[in-house]
């Protein structure tokens, strides 16, 4: 007979892969119904994942899509955690923040008065 495929708990794998700071946070996201495994919603943190499964979940303000490549025995350093998955998420360009006043930040009172004088002259 063939050997059963090795599996690991979903919340444990998310914690080992360093997607969440604690295993409790990973479990809350999973039980909240925010994680999909191979396009199917999962509601239990104890759901078993195997190598090759595709996970979709929110992290911060982005949606992450990752494929499980291997299992970790511990929550090691980031370089070790990056070997556990393959990132399939789209790379989005960073949206620039709000423009600043000539790159100097908030204008001073003196700068503001100069701007007001310039605006008054433009109307004439």
PDB file of N, CA and C in Angstrom:
ATOM      1  N   UNK A   1       0.837  -1.186   0.000  1.00  0.00           N
ATOM      2  CA  UNK A   1       0.000   0.000   0.000  1.00  0.00           C
ATOM      3  C   UNK A   1       0.877   1.242   0.000  1.00  0.00           C
ATOM      4  N   UNK A   2       0.314   2.297  -0.508  1.00  0.00           N
ATOM      5  CA  UNK A   2       1.052   3.559  -0.533  1.00  0.00           C
ATOM      6  C   UNK A   2       0.948   4.259   0.816  1.00  0.00           C
ATOM      7  N   UNK A   3       1.948   5.033   1.127  1.00  0.00           N
ATOM      8  CA  UNK A   3       1.955   5.774   2.390  1.00  0.00           C
ATOM      9  C   UNK A   3       0.966   6.933   2.322  1.00  0.00           C
ATOM     10  N   UNK A   4       0.328   7.267   3.437  1.00  0.00           N
ATOM     11  CA  UNK A   4      -0.564   8.430   3.429  1.00  0.00           C
ATOM     12  C   UNK A   4       0.250   9.713   3.257  1.00  0.00           C
ATOM     13  N   UNK A   5      -0.355  10.676   2.602  1.00  0.00           N
ATOM     14  CA  UNK A   5       0.303  11.957   2.371  1.00  0.00           C
ATOM     15  C   UNK A   5       0.475  12.699   3.692  1.00  0.00           C
ATOM     16  N   UNK A   6       1.690  13.154   4.005  1.00  0.00           N
ATOM     17  CA  UNK A   6       1.859  13.904   5.258  1.00  0.00           C
ATOM     18  C   UNK A   6       1.101  15.229   5.208  1.00  0.00           C
ATOM     19  N   UNK A   7       0.469  15.562   6.318  1.00  0.00           N
ATOM     20  CA  UNK A   7      -0.314  16.790   6.397  1.00  0.00           C
ATOM     21  C   UNK A   7      -0.007  17.501   7.700  1.00  0.00           C
ATOM     22  N   UNK A   8      -0.375  18.799   7.754  1.00  0.00           N
ATOM     23  CA  UNK A   8      -0.166  19.611   8.947  1.00  0.00           C
ATOM     24  C   UNK A   8      -1.379  20.519   9.119  1.00  0.00           C
ATOM     25  N   UNK A   9      -1.656  20.910  10.357  1.00  0.00           N
ATOM     26  CA  UNK A   9      -2.778  21.822  10.626  1.00  0.00           C
ATOM     27  C   UNK A   9      -2.558  23.146   9.894  1.00  0.00           C
ATOM     28  N   UNK A  10      -3.641  23.720   9.405  1.00  0.00           N
ATOM     29  CA  UNK A  10      -3.576  24.965   8.645  1.00  0.00           C
ATOM     30  C   UNK A  10      -3.037  26.121   9.484  1.00  0.00           C
ATOM     31  N   UNK A  11      -3.555  26.283  10.698  1.00  0.00           N
ATOM     32  CA  UNK A  11      -3.088  27.399  11.527  1.00  0.00           C
ATOM     33  C   UNK A  11      -1.612  27.243  11.897  1.00  0.00           C
ATOM     34  N   UNK A  12      -1.184  26.029  12.097  1.00  0.00           N
ATOM     35  CA  UNK A  12       0.218  25.764  12.441  1.00  0.00           C
ATOM     36  C   UNK A  12       1.129  26.098  11.261  1.00  0.00           C
ATOM     37  N   UNK A  13       0.700  25.733  10.047  1.00  0.00           N
ATOM     38  CA  UNK A  13       1.521  26.020   8.878  1.00  0.00           C
ATOM     39  C   UNK A  13       1.612  27.532   8.633  1.00  0.00           C
ATOM     40  N   UNK A  14       0.491  28.244   8.764  1.00  0.00           N
ATOM     41  CA  UNK A  14       0.511  29.699   8.584  1.00  0.00           C
ATOM     42  C   UNK A  14       1.431  30.369   9.591  1.00  0.00           C
ATOM     43  N   UNK A  15       1.464  29.835  10.807  1.00  0.00           N
ATOM     44  CA  UNK A  15       2.343  30.363  11.846  1.00  0.00           C
ATOM     45  C   UNK A  15       3.807  30.047  11.529  1.00  0.00           C
ATOM     46  N   UNK A  16       4.101  28.827  11.118  1.00  0.00           N
ATOM     47  CA  UNK A  16       5.480  28.444  10.776  1.00  0.00           C
ATOM     48  C   UNK A  16       6.000  29.225   9.574  1.00  0.00           C
ATOM     49  N   UNK A  17       5.117  29.531   8.631  1.00  0.00           N
ATOM     50  CA  UNK A  17       5.528  30.268   7.431  1.00  0.00           C
ATOM     51  C   UNK A  17       5.599  31.771   7.684  1.00  0.00           C
ATOM     52  N   UNK A  18       5.338  32.197   8.926  1.00  0.00           N
ATOM     53  CA  UNK A  18       5.476  33.581   9.371  1.00  0.00           C
ATOM     54  C   UNK A  18       4.494  34.548   8.705  1.00  0.00           C
ATOM     55  N   UNK A  19       3.312  34.062   8.343  1.00  0.00           N
ATOM     56  CA  UNK A  19       2.291  34.958   7.823  1.00  0.00           C
ATOM     57  C   UNK A  19       1.565  35.670   8.955  1.00  0.00           C
ATOM     58  N   UNK A  20       1.532  35.042  10.142  1.00  0.00           N
ATOM     59  CA  UNK A  20       0.901  35.628  11.310  1.00  0.00           C
ATOM     60  C   UNK A  20       1.855  35.539  12.489  1.00  0.00           C
ATOM     61  N   UNK A  21       1.780  36.527  13.355  1.00  0.00           N
ATOM     62  CA  UNK A  21       2.712  36.637  14.469  1.00  0.00           C
ATOM     63  C   UNK A  21       2.509  35.548  15.526  1.00  0.00           C
ATOM     64  N   UNK A  22       1.261  35.143  15.732  1.00  0.00           N
ATOM     65  CA  UNK A  22       0.972  34.081  16.689  1.00  0.00           C
ATOM     66  C   UNK A  22       0.068  33.036  16.039  1.00  0.00           C
ATOM     67  N   UNK A  23       0.082  31.859  16.616  1.00  0.00           N
ATOM     68  CA  UNK A  23      -0.781  30.799  16.102  1.00  0.00           C
ATOM     69  C   UNK A  23      -2.239  31.120  16.389  1.00  0.00           C
ATOM     70  N   UNK A  24      -2.501  31.833  17.476  1.00  0.00           N
ATOM     71  CA  UNK A  24      -3.861  32.241  17.814  1.00  0.00           C
ATOM     72  C   UNK A  24      -4.422  33.189  16.754  1.00  0.00           C
ATOM     73  N   UNK A  25      -3.608  34.128  16.283  1.00  0.00           N
ATOM     74  CA  UNK A  25      -4.055  35.030  15.214  1.00  0.00           C
ATOM     75  C   UNK A  25      -4.360  34.251  13.940  1.00  0.00           C
ATOM     76  N   UNK A  26      -3.511  33.290  13.614  1.00  0.00           N
ATOM     77  CA  UNK A  26      -3.743  32.467  12.426  1.00  0.00           C
ATOM     78  C   UNK A  26      -5.053  31.700  12.570  1.00  0.00           C
ATOM     79  N   UNK A  27      -5.313  31.163  13.761  1.00  0.00           N
ATOM     80  CA  UNK A  27      -6.546  30.412  13.995  1.00  0.00           C
ATOM     81  C   UNK A  27      -7.771  31.310  13.894  1.00  0.00           C
ATOM     82  N   UNK A  28      -7.663  32.558  14.369  1.00  0.00           N
ATOM     83  CA  UNK A  28      -8.794  33.489  14.286  1.00  0.00           C
ATOM     84  C   UNK A  28      -9.148  33.809  12.839  1.00  0.00           C
ATOM     85  N   UNK A  29      -8.140  33.987  11.997  1.00  0.00           N
ATOM     86  CA  UNK A  29      -8.397  34.281  10.582  1.00  0.00           C
ATOM     87  C   UNK A  29      -9.063  33.086   9.916  1.00  0.00           C
ATOM     88  N   UNK A  30      -8.589  31.889  10.245  1.00  0.00           N
ATOM     89  CA  UNK A  30      -9.155  30.678   9.639  1.00  0.00           C
ATOM     90  C   UNK A  30     -10.590  30.459  10.111  1.00  0.00           C
ATOM     91  N   UNK A  31     -10.830  30.538  11.416  1.00  0.00           N
ATOM     92  CA  UNK A  31     -12.182  30.297  11.935  1.00  0.00           C
ATOM     93  C   UNK A  31     -13.150  31.412  11.555  1.00  0.00           C
ATOM     94  N   UNK A  32     -12.617  32.565  11.195  1.00  0.00           N
ATOM     95  CA  UNK A  32     -13.459  33.658  10.719  1.00  0.00           C
ATOM     96  C   UNK A  32     -13.945  33.445   9.297  1.00  0.00           C
ATOM     97  N   UNK A  33     -13.476  32.382   8.648  1.00  0.00           N
ATOM     98  CA  UNK A  33     -13.919  32.064   7.293  1.00  0.00           C
ATOM     99  C   UNK A  33     -13.212  32.866   6.218  1.00  0.00           C
ATOM    100  N   UNK A  34     -12.006  33.368   6.519  1.00  0.00           N
ATOM    101  CA  UNK A  34     -11.287  34.210   5.563  1.00  0.00           C
ATOM    102  C   UNK A  34     -10.233  33.467   4.759  1.00  0.00           C
ATOM    103  N   UNK A  35     -10.094  32.168   4.971  1.00  0.00           N
ATOM    104  CA  UNK A  35      -9.052  31.392   4.291  1.00  0.00           C
ATOM    105  C   UNK A  35      -9.702  30.385   3.354  1.00  0.00           C
ATOM    106  N   UNK A  36      -9.103  30.256   2.163  1.00  0.00           N
ATOM    107  CA  UNK A  36      -9.551  29.252   1.197  1.00  0.00           C
ATOM    108  C   UNK A  36      -8.399  28.303   0.917  1.00  0.00           C
ATOM    109  N   UNK A  37      -8.718  27.023   0.852  1.00  0.00           N
ATOM    110  CA  UNK A  37      -7.736  26.002   0.487  1.00  0.00           C
ATOM    111  C   UNK A  37      -8.232  25.363  -0.796  1.00  0.00           C
ATOM    112  N   UNK A  38      -7.462  25.514  -1.850  1.00  0.00           N
ATOM    113  CA  UNK A  38      -7.846  25.009  -3.177  1.00  0.00           C
ATOM    114  C   UNK A  38      -9.250  25.488  -3.562  1.00  0.00           C
ATOM    115  N   UNK A  39      -9.491  26.774  -3.398  1.00  0.00           N
ATOM    116  CA  UNK A  39     -10.731  27.471  -3.759  1.00  0.00           C
ATOM    117  C   UNK A  39     -11.930  27.150  -2.866  1.00  0.00           C
ATOM    118  N   UNK A  40     -11.754  26.341  -1.844  1.00  0.00           N
ATOM    119  CA  UNK A  40     -12.861  25.997  -0.939  1.00  0.00           C
ATOM    120  C   UNK A  40     -12.649  26.697   0.399  1.00  0.00           C
ATOM    121  N   UNK A  41     -13.712  27.350   0.904  1.00  0.00           N
ATOM    122  CA  UNK A  41     -13.613  28.034   2.193  1.00  0.00           C
ATOM    123  C   UNK A  41     -13.392  27.029   3.305  1.00  0.00           C
ATOM    124  N   UNK A  42     -12.562  27.423   4.257  1.00  0.00           N
ATOM    125  CA  UNK A  42     -12.255  26.575   5.402  1.00  0.00           C
ATOM    126  C   UNK A  42     -12.664  27.327   6.659  1.00  0.00           C
ATOM    127  N   UNK A  43     -13.332  26.638   7.584  1.00  0.00           N
ATOM    128  CA  UNK A  43     -13.792  27.290   8.803  1.00  0.00           C
ATOM    129  C   UNK A  43     -13.148  26.715  10.057  1.00  0.00           C
ATOM    130  N   UNK A  44     -12.301  25.702   9.907  1.00  0.00           N
ATOM    131  CA  UNK A  44     -11.654  25.089  11.062  1.00  0.00           C
ATOM    132  C   UNK A  44     -10.145  25.253  10.972  1.00  0.00           C
ATOM    133  N   UNK A  45      -9.555  25.671  12.085  1.00  0.00           N
ATOM    134  CA  UNK A  45      -8.100  25.845  12.132  1.00  0.00           C
ATOM    135  C   UNK A  45      -7.392  24.506  12.051  1.00  0.00           C
ATOM    136  N   UNK A  46      -8.087  23.430  12.367  1.00  0.00           N
ATOM    137  CA  UNK A  46      -7.478  22.105  12.344  1.00  0.00           C
ATOM    138  C   UNK A  46      -7.503  21.459  10.964  1.00  0.00           C
ATOM    139  N   UNK A  47      -7.964  22.176   9.953  1.00  0.00           N
ATOM    140  CA  UNK A  47      -8.008  21.636   8.597  1.00  0.00           C
ATOM    141  C   UNK A  47      -6.584  21.268   8.173  1.00  0.00           C
ATOM    142  N   UNK A  48      -6.424  20.090   7.614  1.00  0.00           N
ATOM    143  CA  UNK A  48      -5.093  19.613   7.222  1.00  0.00           C
ATOM    144  C   UNK A  48      -4.736  20.090   5.822  1.00  0.00           C
ATOM    145  N   UNK A  49      -3.519  20.575   5.664  1.00  0.00           N
ATOM    146  CA  UNK A  49      -3.023  20.984   4.356  1.00  0.00           C
ATOM    147  C   UNK A  49      -1.854  20.086   3.981  1.00  0.00           C
ATOM    148  N   UNK A  50      -1.708  19.853   2.692  1.00  0.00           N
ATOM    149  CA  UNK A  50      -0.634  19.013   2.178  1.00  0.00           C
ATOM    150  C   UNK A  50       0.212  19.828   1.207  1.00  0.00           C
ATOM    151  N   UNK A  51       1.335  19.271   0.838  1.00  0.00           N
ATOM    152  CA  UNK A  51       2.212  19.933  -0.127  1.00  0.00           C
ATOM    153  C   UNK A  51       1.473  20.032  -1.457  1.00  0.00           C
ATOM    154  N   UNK A  52       1.487  21.220  -2.056  1.00  0.00           N
ATOM    155  CA  UNK A  52       0.809  21.460  -3.325  1.00  0.00           C
ATOM    156  C   UNK A  52      -0.516  22.174  -3.176  1.00  0.00           C
ATOM    157  N   UNK A  53      -1.053  22.289  -1.970  1.00  0.00           N
ATOM    158  CA  UNK A  53      -2.305  23.012  -1.756  1.00  0.00           C
ATOM    159  C   UNK A  53      -2.090  24.510  -1.963  1.00  0.00           C
ATOM    160  N   UNK A  54      -3.104  25.166  -2.519  1.00  0.00           N
ATOM    161  CA  UNK A  54      -3.052  26.611  -2.745  1.00  0.00           C
ATOM    162  C   UNK A  54      -3.935  27.289  -1.708  1.00  0.00           C
ATOM    163  N   UNK A  55      -3.348  28.242  -0.970  1.00  0.00           N
ATOM    164  CA  UNK A  55      -4.060  28.964   0.081  1.00  0.00           C
ATOM    165  C   UNK A  55      -4.297  30.397  -0.351  1.00  0.00           C
ATOM    166  N   UNK A  56      -5.483  30.912  -0.072  1.00  0.00           N
ATOM    167  CA  UNK A  56      -5.831  32.296  -0.335  1.00  0.00           C
ATOM    168  C   UNK A  56      -6.346  32.898   0.961  1.00  0.00           C
ATOM    169  N   UNK A  57      -5.712  34.000   1.405  1.00  0.00           N
ATOM    170  CA  UNK A  57      -6.099  34.616   2.671  1.00  0.00           C
ATOM    171  C   UNK A  57      -5.684  36.078   2.683  1.00  0.00           C
ATOM    172  N   UNK A  58      -6.364  36.888   3.513  1.00  0.00           N
ATOM    173  CA  UNK A  58      -5.982  38.299   3.618  1.00  0.00           C
ATOM    174  C   UNK A  58      -4.822  38.460   4.604  1.00  0.00           C
ATOM    175  N   UNK A  59      -3.939  39.374   4.263  1.00  0.00           N
ATOM    176  CA  UNK A  59      -2.859  39.741   5.173  1.00  0.00           C
ATOM    177  C   UNK A  59      -2.657  41.238   5.036  1.00  0.00           C
ATOM    178  N   UNK A  60      -2.860  41.946   6.148  1.00  0.00           N
ATOM    179  CA  UNK A  60      -2.837  43.410   6.158  1.00  0.00           C
ATOM    180  C   UNK A  60      -3.905  43.898   5.172  1.00  0.00           C
ATOM    181  N   UNK A  61      -3.519  44.630   4.148  1.00  0.00           N
ATOM    182  CA  UNK A  61      -4.506  45.154   3.187  1.00  0.00           C
ATOM    183  C   UNK A  61      -4.411  44.483   1.823  1.00  0.00           C
ATOM    184  N   UNK A  62      -3.766  43.331   1.778  1.00  0.00           N
ATOM    185  CA  UNK A  62      -3.613  42.616   0.517  1.00  0.00           C
ATOM    186  C   UNK A  62      -4.168  41.201   0.652  1.00  0.00           C
ATOM    187  N   UNK A  63      -4.449  40.597  -0.484  1.00  0.00           N
ATOM    188  CA  UNK A  63      -4.883  39.206  -0.532  1.00  0.00           C
ATOM    189  C   UNK A  63      -3.677  38.383  -0.986  1.00  0.00           C
ATOM    190  N   UNK A  64      -3.290  37.420  -0.176  1.00  0.00           N
ATOM    191  CA  UNK A  64      -2.140  36.581  -0.483  1.00  0.00           C
ATOM    192  C   UNK A  64      -2.617  35.270  -1.084  1.00  0.00           C
ATOM    193  N   UNK A  65      -1.934  34.818  -2.113  1.00  0.00           N
ATOM    194  CA  UNK A  65      -2.172  33.514  -2.719  1.00  0.00           C
ATOM    195  C   UNK A  65      -0.831  32.790  -2.706  1.00  0.00           C
ATOM    196  N   UNK A  66      -0.760  31.695  -1.962  1.00  0.00           N
ATOM    197  CA  UNK A  66       0.495  30.956  -1.835  1.00  0.00           C
ATOM    198  C   UNK A  66       0.248  29.468  -2.033  1.00  0.00           C
ATOM    199  N   UNK A  67       1.300  28.774  -2.498  1.00  0.00           N
ATOM    200  CA  UNK A  67       1.249  27.327  -2.655  1.00  0.00           C
ATOM    201  C   UNK A  67       2.172  26.710  -1.614  1.00  0.00           C
ATOM    202  N   UNK A  68       1.695  25.715  -0.907  1.00  0.00           N
ATOM    203  CA  UNK A  68       2.484  25.041   0.119  1.00  0.00           C
ATOM    204  C   UNK A  68       3.558  24.199  -0.568  1.00  0.00           C
ATOM    205  N   UNK A  69       4.824  24.471  -0.253  1.00  0.00           N
ATOM    206  CA  UNK A  69       5.941  23.744  -0.850  1.00  0.00           C
ATOM    207  C   UNK A  69       6.491  22.673   0.090  1.00  0.00           C
ATOM    208  N   UNK A  70       6.510  22.975   1.385  1.00  0.00           N
ATOM    209  CA  UNK A  70       7.000  22.011   2.362  1.00  0.00           C
ATOM    210  C   UNK A  70       6.478  22.384   3.736  1.00  0.00           C
ATOM    211  N   UNK A  71       6.801  21.564   4.730  1.00  0.00           N
ATOM    212  CA  UNK A  71       6.381  21.806   6.101  1.00  0.00           C
ATOM    213  C   UNK A  71       7.588  22.188   6.938  1.00  0.00           C
ATOM    214  N   UNK A  72       7.336  22.978   7.959  1.00  0.00           N
ATOM    215  CA  UNK A  72       8.399  23.338   8.886  1.00  0.00           C
ATOM    216  C   UNK A  72       8.205  22.611  10.203  1.00  0.00           C
ATOM    217  N   UNK A  73       9.294  22.332  10.871  1.00  0.00           N
ATOM    218  CA  UNK A  73       9.197  21.682  12.175  1.00  0.00           C
ATOM    219  C   UNK A  73       9.125  22.718  13.287  1.00  0.00           C
ATOM    220  N   UNK A  74       9.466  23.952  12.957  1.00  0.00           N
ATOM    221  CA  UNK A  74       9.451  25.029  13.948  1.00  0.00           C
ATOM    222  C   UNK A  74       9.227  26.346  13.232  1.00  0.00           C
ATOM    223  N   UNK A  75       9.010  27.400  14.001  1.00  0.00           N
ATOM    224  CA  UNK A  75       8.889  28.742  13.434  1.00  0.00           C
ATOM    225  C   UNK A  75      10.273  29.358  13.461  1.00  0.00           C
ATOM    226  N   UNK A  76      10.997  29.156  12.399  1.00  0.00           N
ATOM    227  CA  UNK A  76      12.384  29.594  12.339  1.00  0.00           C
ATOM    228  C   UNK A  76      12.520  30.987  11.767  1.00  0.00           C
ATOM    229  N   UNK A  77      13.732  31.334  11.344  1.00  0.00           N
ATOM    230  CA  UNK A  77      13.967  32.655  10.764  1.00  0.00           C
ATOM    231  C   UNK A  77      13.237  32.824   9.429  1.00  0.00           C
ATOM    232  N   UNK A  78      13.161  34.064   8.984  1.00  0.00           N
ATOM    233  CA  UNK A  78      12.406  34.384   7.765  1.00  0.00           C
ATOM    234  C   UNK A  78      12.964  33.654   6.543  1.00  0.00           C
ATOM    235  N   UNK A  79      14.277  33.500   6.470  1.00  0.00           N
ATOM    236  CA  UNK A  79      14.863  32.811   5.310  1.00  0.00           C
ATOM    237  C   UNK A  79      14.414  31.359   5.255  1.00  0.00           C
ATOM    238  N   UNK A  80      14.280  30.737   6.421  1.00  0.00           N
ATOM    239  CA  UNK A  80      13.796  29.363   6.486  1.00  0.00           C
ATOM    240  C   UNK A  80      12.311  29.297   6.149  1.00  0.00           C
ATOM    241  N   UNK A  81      11.551  30.283   6.605  1.00  0.00           N
ATOM    242  CA  UNK A  81      10.106  30.309   6.361  1.00  0.00           C
ATOM    243  C   UNK A  81       9.790  30.520   4.886  1.00  0.00           C
ATOM    244  N   UNK A  82      10.632  31.241   4.157  1.00  0.00           N
ATOM    245  CA  UNK A  82      10.377  31.501   2.740  1.00  0.00           C
ATOM    246  C   UNK A  82      10.511  30.245   1.891  1.00  0.00           C
ATOM    247  N   UNK A  83      11.153  29.229   2.403  1.00  0.00           N
ATOM    248  CA  UNK A  83      11.270  27.970   1.658  1.00  0.00           C
ATOM    249  C   UNK A  83      10.015  27.115   1.788  1.00  0.00           C
ATOM    250  N   UNK A  84       9.100  27.482   2.677  1.00  0.00           N
ATOM    251  CA  UNK A  84       7.894  26.695   2.903  1.00  0.00           C
ATOM    252  C   UNK A  84       6.802  26.956   1.877  1.00  0.00           C
ATOM    253  N   UNK A  85       6.893  28.050   1.125  1.00  0.00           N
ATOM    254  CA  UNK A  85       5.811  28.404   0.206  1.00  0.00           C
ATOM    255  C   UNK A  85       6.344  29.049  -1.062  1.00  0.00           C
ATOM    256  N   UNK A  86       5.458  29.096  -2.055  1.00  0.00           N
ATOM    257  CA  UNK A  86       5.724  29.801  -3.314  1.00  0.00           C
ATOM    258  C   UNK A  86       4.626  30.843  -3.446  1.00  0.00           C
ATOM    259  N   UNK A  87       5.013  32.108  -3.554  1.00  0.00           N
ATOM    260  CA  UNK A  87       4.044  33.195  -3.602  1.00  0.00           C
ATOM    261  C   UNK A  87       3.473  33.324  -5.004  1.00  0.00           C
ATOM    262  N   UNK A  88       2.161  33.229  -5.128  1.00  0.00           N
ATOM    263  CA  UNK A  88       1.468  33.338  -6.423  1.00  0.00           C
ATOM    264  C   UNK A  88       0.695  34.638  -6.554  1.00  0.00           C
ATOM    265  N   UNK A  89       0.802  35.537  -5.560  1.00  0.00           N
ATOM    266  CA  UNK A  89       0.061  36.790  -5.565  1.00  0.00           C
ATOM    267  C   UNK A  89       0.562  37.702  -6.673  1.00  0.00           C
ATOM    268  N   UNK A  90      -0.354  38.535  -7.162  1.00  0.00           N
ATOM    269  CA  UNK A  90       0.021  39.525  -8.167  1.00  0.00           C
ATOM    270  C   UNK A  90       0.864  40.601  -7.510  1.00  0.00           C
ATOM    271  N   UNK A  91       1.890  41.039  -8.198  1.00  0.00           N
ATOM    272  CA  UNK A  91       2.721  42.122  -7.676  1.00  0.00           C
ATOM    273  C   UNK A  91       2.089  43.430  -8.129  1.00  0.00           C
ATOM    274  N   UNK A  92       1.662  44.227  -7.154  1.00  0.00           N
ATOM    275  CA  UNK A  92       1.031  45.502  -7.470  1.00  0.00           C
ATOM    276  C   UNK A  92       2.019  46.625  -7.225  1.00  0.00           C
ATOM    277  N   UNK A  93       1.908  47.640  -8.067  1.00  0.00           N
ATOM    278  CA  UNK A  93       2.775  48.799  -7.887  1.00  0.00           C
ATOM    279  C   UNK A  93       2.358  49.546  -6.629  1.00  0.00           C
ATOM    280  N   UNK A  94       3.321  50.100  -5.963  1.00  0.00           N
ATOM    281  CA  UNK A  94       3.023  50.839  -4.749  1.00  0.00           C
ATOM    282  C   UNK A  94       2.358  52.156  -5.128  1.00  0.00           C
ATOM    283  N   UNK A  95       1.236  52.432  -4.498  1.00  0.00           N
ATOM    284  CA  UNK A  95       0.504  53.665  -4.765  1.00  0.00           C
ATOM    285  C   UNK A  95       1.180  54.786  -3.998  1.00  0.00           C
ATOM    286  N   UNK A  96       1.535  55.862  -4.697  1.00  0.00           N
ATOM    287  CA  UNK A  96       2.204  56.948  -3.976  1.00  0.00           C
ATOM    288  C   UNK A  96       1.262  57.617  -2.987  1.00  0.00           C
ATOM    289  N   UNK A  97       1.842  58.130  -1.923  1.00  0.00           N
ATOM    290  CA  UNK A  97       1.052  58.807  -0.903  1.00  0.00           C
ATOM    291  C   UNK A  97       0.582  60.165  -1.375  1.00  0.00           C
ATOM    292  N   UNK A  98      -0.052  60.885  -0.492  1.00  0.00           N
ATOM    293  CA  UNK A  98      -0.544  62.214  -0.815  1.00  0.00           C
ATOM    294  C   UNK A  98       0.641  63.138  -1.112  1.00  0.00           C
ATOM    295  N   UNK A  99       0.510  63.996  -2.115  1.00  0.00           N
ATOM    296  CA  UNK A  99       1.619  64.893  -2.434  1.00  0.00           C
ATOM    297  C   UNK A  99       1.854  65.902  -1.316  1.00  0.00           C
ATOM    298  N   UNK A 100       3.085  66.244  -1.115  1.00  0.00           N
ATOM    299  CA  UNK A 100       3.471  67.196  -0.074  1.00  0.00           C
ATOM    300  C   UNK A 100       3.801  68.542  -0.704  1.00  0.00           C
ATOM    301  N   UNK A 101       3.836  69.557   0.119  1.00  0.00           N
ATOM    302  CA  UNK A 101       4.174  70.897  -0.327  1.00  0.00           C
ATOM    303  C   UNK A 101       5.650  70.933  -0.689  1.00  0.00           C
ATOM    304  N   UNK A 102       5.953  70.900  -1.967  1.00  0.00           N
ATOM    305  CA  UNK A 102       7.313  70.938  -2.511  1.00  0.00           C
ATOM    306  C   UNK A 102       8.237  69.946  -1.819  1.00  0.00           C
ATOM    307  N   UNK A 103       7.689  68.830  -1.345  1.00  0.00           N
ATOM    308  CA  UNK A 103       8.504  67.820  -0.717  1.00  0.00           C
ATOM    309  C   UNK A 103       9.033  68.192   0.648  1.00  0.00           C
ATOM    310  N   UNK A 104       8.569  69.303   1.215  1.00  0.00           N
ATOM    311  CA  UNK A 104       9.089  69.763   2.498  1.00  0.00           C
ATOM    312  C   UNK A 104       8.141  69.484   3.644  1.00  0.00           C
ATOM    313  N   UNK A 105       7.011  68.860   3.382  1.00  0.00           N
ATOM    314  CA  UNK A 105       6.043  68.630   4.449  1.00  0.00           C
ATOM    315  C   UNK A 105       5.055  69.777   4.534  1.00  0.00           C
ATOM    316  N   UNK A 106       4.526  69.995   5.699  1.00  0.00           N
ATOM    317  CA  UNK A 106       3.525  71.036   5.900  1.00  0.00           C
ATOM    318  C   UNK A 106       4.174  72.416   5.823  1.00  0.00           C
ATOM    319  N   UNK A 107       3.542  73.362   5.074  1.00  0.00           N
ATOM    320  CA  UNK A 107       4.144  74.692   4.955  1.00  0.00           C
ATOM    321  C   UNK A 107       4.079  75.473   6.267  1.00  0.00           C
ATOM    322  N   UNK A 108       5.068  76.312   6.475  1.00  0.00           N
ATOM    323  CA  UNK A 108       5.071  77.162   7.656  1.00  0.00           C
ATOM    324  C   UNK A 108       4.128  78.336   7.433  1.00  0.00           C
ATOM    325  N   UNK A 109       3.912  79.128   8.483  1.00  0.00           N
ATOM    326  CA  UNK A 109       3.043  80.298   8.359  1.00  0.00           C
ATOM    327  C   UNK A 109       3.584  81.285   7.333  1.00  0.00           C
ATOM    328  N   UNK A 110       4.893  81.456   7.313  1.00  0.00           N
ATOM    329  CA  UNK A 110       5.519  82.374   6.361  1.00  0.00           C
ATOM    330  C   UNK A 110       5.286  81.899   4.922  1.00  0.00           C
ATOM    331  N   UNK A 111       5.485  80.582   4.686  1.00  0.00           N
ATOM    332  CA  UNK A 111       5.255  80.027   3.355  1.00  0.00           C
ATOM    333  C   UNK A 111       3.794  80.190   2.944  1.00  0.00           C
ATOM    334  N   UNK A 112       2.901  80.019   3.888  1.00  0.00           N
ATOM    335  CA  UNK A 112       1.472  80.140   3.609  1.00  0.00           C
ATOM    336  C   UNK A 112       1.113  81.563   3.185  1.00  0.00           C
ATOM    337  N   UNK A 113       1.675  82.557   3.874  1.00  0.00           N
ATOM    338  CA  UNK A 113       1.401  83.957   3.507  1.00  0.00           C
ATOM    339  C   UNK A 113       1.932  84.253   2.107  1.00  0.00           C
ATOM    340  N   UNK A 114       3.090  83.700   1.756  1.00  0.00           N
ATOM    341  CA  UNK A 114       3.638  83.901   0.404  1.00  0.00           C
ATOM    342  C   UNK A 114       2.708  83.293  -0.644  1.00  0.00           C
ATOM    343  N   UNK A 115       2.192  82.122  -0.364  1.00  0.00           N
ATOM    344  CA  UNK A 115       1.260  81.480  -1.294  1.00  0.00           C
ATOM    345  C   UNK A 115       0.000  82.316  -1.474  1.00  0.00           C
ATOM    346  N   UNK A 116      -0.524  82.850  -0.383  1.00  0.00           N
ATOM    347  CA  UNK A 116      -1.727  83.689  -0.456  1.00  0.00           C
ATOM    348  C   UNK A 116      -1.474  84.947  -1.275  1.00  0.00           C
ATOM    349  N   UNK A 117      -0.275  85.546  -1.132  1.00  0.00           N
ATOM    350  CA  UNK A 117       0.059  86.742  -1.919  1.00  0.00           C
ATOM    351  C   UNK A 117       0.135  86.406  -3.404  1.00  0.00           C
ATOM    352  N   UNK A 118       0.716  85.254  -3.740  1.00  0.00           N
ATOM    353  CA  UNK A 118       0.825  84.840  -5.147  1.00  0.00           C
ATOM    354  C   UNK A 118      -0.557  84.599  -5.747  1.00  0.00           C
ATOM    355  N   UNK A 119      -1.447  84.005  -4.981  1.00  0.00           N
ATOM    356  CA  UNK A 119      -2.794  83.736  -5.483  1.00  0.00           C
ATOM    357  C   UNK A 119      -3.552  85.019  -5.727  1.00  0.00           C
ATOM    358  N   UNK A 120      -3.343  86.007  -4.857  1.00  0.00           N
ATOM    359  CA  UNK A 120      -4.013  87.289  -5.015  1.00  0.00           C
ATOM    360  C   UNK A 120      -3.539  88.012  -6.268  1.00  0.00           C
ATOM    361  N   UNK A 121      -2.285  87.899  -6.603  1.00  0.00           N
ATOM    362  CA  UNK A 121      -1.729  88.552  -7.795  1.00  0.00           C
ATOM    363  C   UNK A 121      -2.202  87.882  -9.082  1.00  0.00           C
ATOM    364  N   UNK A 122      -2.430  86.581  -9.026  1.00  0.00           N
ATOM    365  CA  UNK A 122      -2.873  85.845 -10.218  1.00  0.00           C
ATOM    366  C   UNK A 122      -4.283  86.243 -10.619  1.00  0.00           C
ATOM    367  N   UNK A 123      -5.114  86.648  -9.686  1.00  0.00           N
ATOM    368  CA  UNK A 123      -6.490  87.009  -9.985  1.00  0.00           C
ATOM    369  C   UNK A 123      -6.573  88.354 -10.689  1.00  0.00           C
ATOM    370  N   UNK A 124      -5.626  89.211 -10.467  1.00  0.00           N
ATOM    371  CA  UNK A 124      -5.688  90.567 -11.054  1.00  0.00           C
ATOM    372  C   UNK A 124      -5.382  90.616 -12.513  1.00  0.00           C
TER     373      UNK A 124
END
